[in-house]
Amino acid sequence: MSWINYEEEGERFPFINVQARMGVVTRKGLADLIREEFGFRITFFFMMALLVTNFANIVAEFAGIAMREVFEKHEIKTDLFVSAINCEGTVRL
């Protein structure tokens, strides 16, 4: 699944590039620019949404680590599950 990260990175790069350029020119961060354009309330909700999203990402990372530990502890091989999925994406049992 690591190929998904490369695909996402390619989609995010132009936005990161634009934000970096805006930061260099204005000497302000993303939250400052949003607050200037939309006001404090919208900025607050945007930053809270960003906080919740980042927290959910951290929880998902730890859940993945925990599942790896479960699979290794019970000697369940993930290849077994991968081989049960054929090319169309349906599961053969």
Protein backbone atom coordinates (compact mmCIF):
# COMPACT_ATOMS: atom_id res chain seq x y z
CA MET A 1 0.00 0.00 0.00
CA SER A 2 3.00 2.31 0.03
CA TRP A 3 2.26 3.33 -3.56
CA ILE A 4 -0.77 5.25 -2.27
CA ASN A 5 1.54 7.55 -0.32
CA TYR A 6 3.45 8.46 -3.48
CA GLU A 7 0.20 9.20 -5.28
CA GLU A 8 -1.09 11.39 -2.45
CA GLU A 9 2.22 13.21 -2.18
CA GLY A 10 2.05 14.12 -5.85
CA GLU A 11 -1.41 15.60 -5.34
CA ARG A 12 -0.43 17.53 -2.22
CA PHE A 13 2.84 18.97 -3.50
CA PRO A 14 1.37 21.89 -5.49
CA PHE A 15 -0.65 23.03 -2.45
CA ILE A 16 2.34 22.77 -0.13
CA ASN A 17 4.44 24.67 -2.66
CA VAL A 18 1.87 27.50 -2.93
CA GLN A 19 1.54 27.73 0.86
CA ALA A 20 5.32 27.89 1.28
CA ARG A 21 5.54 30.68 -1.30
CA MET A 22 2.72 32.63 0.36
CA GLY A 23 4.46 32.25 3.71
CA VAL A 24 7.75 33.54 2.34
CA VAL A 25 6.15 36.55 0.66
CA THR A 26 3.75 37.57 3.45
CA ARG A 27 5.79 36.31 6.42
CA LYS A 28 2.57 34.80 7.81
CA GLY A 29 1.38 31.27 8.37
CA LEU A 30 -1.71 29.53 7.07
CA ALA A 31 -3.85 30.36 10.11
CA ASP A 32 -2.92 34.06 9.90
CA LEU A 33 -3.85 34.22 6.23
CA ILE A 34 -7.17 32.45 6.80
CA ARG A 35 -7.96 34.73 9.74
CA GLU A 36 -7.28 37.84 7.64
CA GLU A 37 -9.49 36.63 4.81
CA PHE A 38 -12.39 34.93 6.63
CA GLY A 39 -12.28 36.10 10.25
CA PHE A 40 -11.64 34.49 13.60
CA ARG A 41 -14.68 32.19 13.74
CA ILE A 42 -13.99 30.40 10.44
CA THR A 43 -10.31 30.10 11.35
CA PHE A 44 -11.21 28.58 14.71
CA PHE A 45 -13.45 25.94 13.14
CA PHE A 46 -10.86 25.20 10.46
CA MET A 47 -8.13 24.70 13.04
CA MET A 48 -10.39 22.51 15.20
CA ALA A 49 -11.17 20.36 12.15
CA LEU A 50 -7.43 20.13 11.47
CA LEU A 51 -6.81 19.09 15.08
CA VAL A 52 -9.49 16.38 14.96
CA THR A 53 -8.16 15.08 11.64
CA ASN A 54 -4.60 14.89 12.94
CA PHE A 55 -5.78 13.11 16.10
CA ALA A 56 -7.72 10.57 14.01
CA ASN A 57 -4.60 9.99 11.92
CA ILE A 58 -2.54 9.27 15.03
CA VAL A 59 -5.20 6.86 16.33
CA ALA A 60 -5.21 5.07 12.96
CA GLU A 61 -1.42 4.76 13.05
CA PHE A 62 -1.49 3.16 16.51
CA ALA A 63 -4.37 0.89 15.48
CA GLY A 64 -2.27 -0.32 12.56
CA ILE A 65 0.66 -1.00 14.85
CA ALA A 66 -1.60 -2.86 17.27
CA MET A 67 -3.06 -5.00 14.47
CA ARG A 68 0.44 -5.88 13.31
CA GLU A 69 1.25 -7.03 16.82
CA VAL A 70 -1.93 -9.13 16.93
CA PHE A 71 -1.14 -10.76 13.58
CA GLU A 72 2.42 -11.53 14.65
CA LYS A 73 1.38 -12.83 18.06
CA HIS A 74 -1.15 -15.29 16.67
CA GLU A 75 1.06 -16.07 13.68
CA ILE A 76 -1.68 -15.07 11.26
CA LYS A 77 -0.04 -14.18 8.00
CA THR A 78 -1.44 -11.26 6.06
CA ASP A 79 -0.49 -13.07 2.84
CA LEU A 80 -3.33 -15.47 3.55
CA PHE A 81 -5.81 -12.60 3.40
CA VAL A 82 -4.18 -11.02 0.37
CA SER A 83 -4.24 -14.29 -1.54
CA ALA A 84 -7.97 -14.63 -0.82
CA ILE A 85 -8.64 -11.51 -2.86
CA ASN A 86 -8.62 -12.01 -6.60
CA CYS A 87 -7.95 -9.42 -9.31
CA GLU A 88 -11.51 -8.05 -9.33
CA GLY A 89 -11.29 -7.14 -5.66
CA THR A 90 -13.85 -9.70 -4.50
CA VAL A 91 -13.14 -12.11 -1.70
CA ARG A 92 -12.94 -15.85 -2.31
CA LEU A 93 -13.69 -17.98 0.69
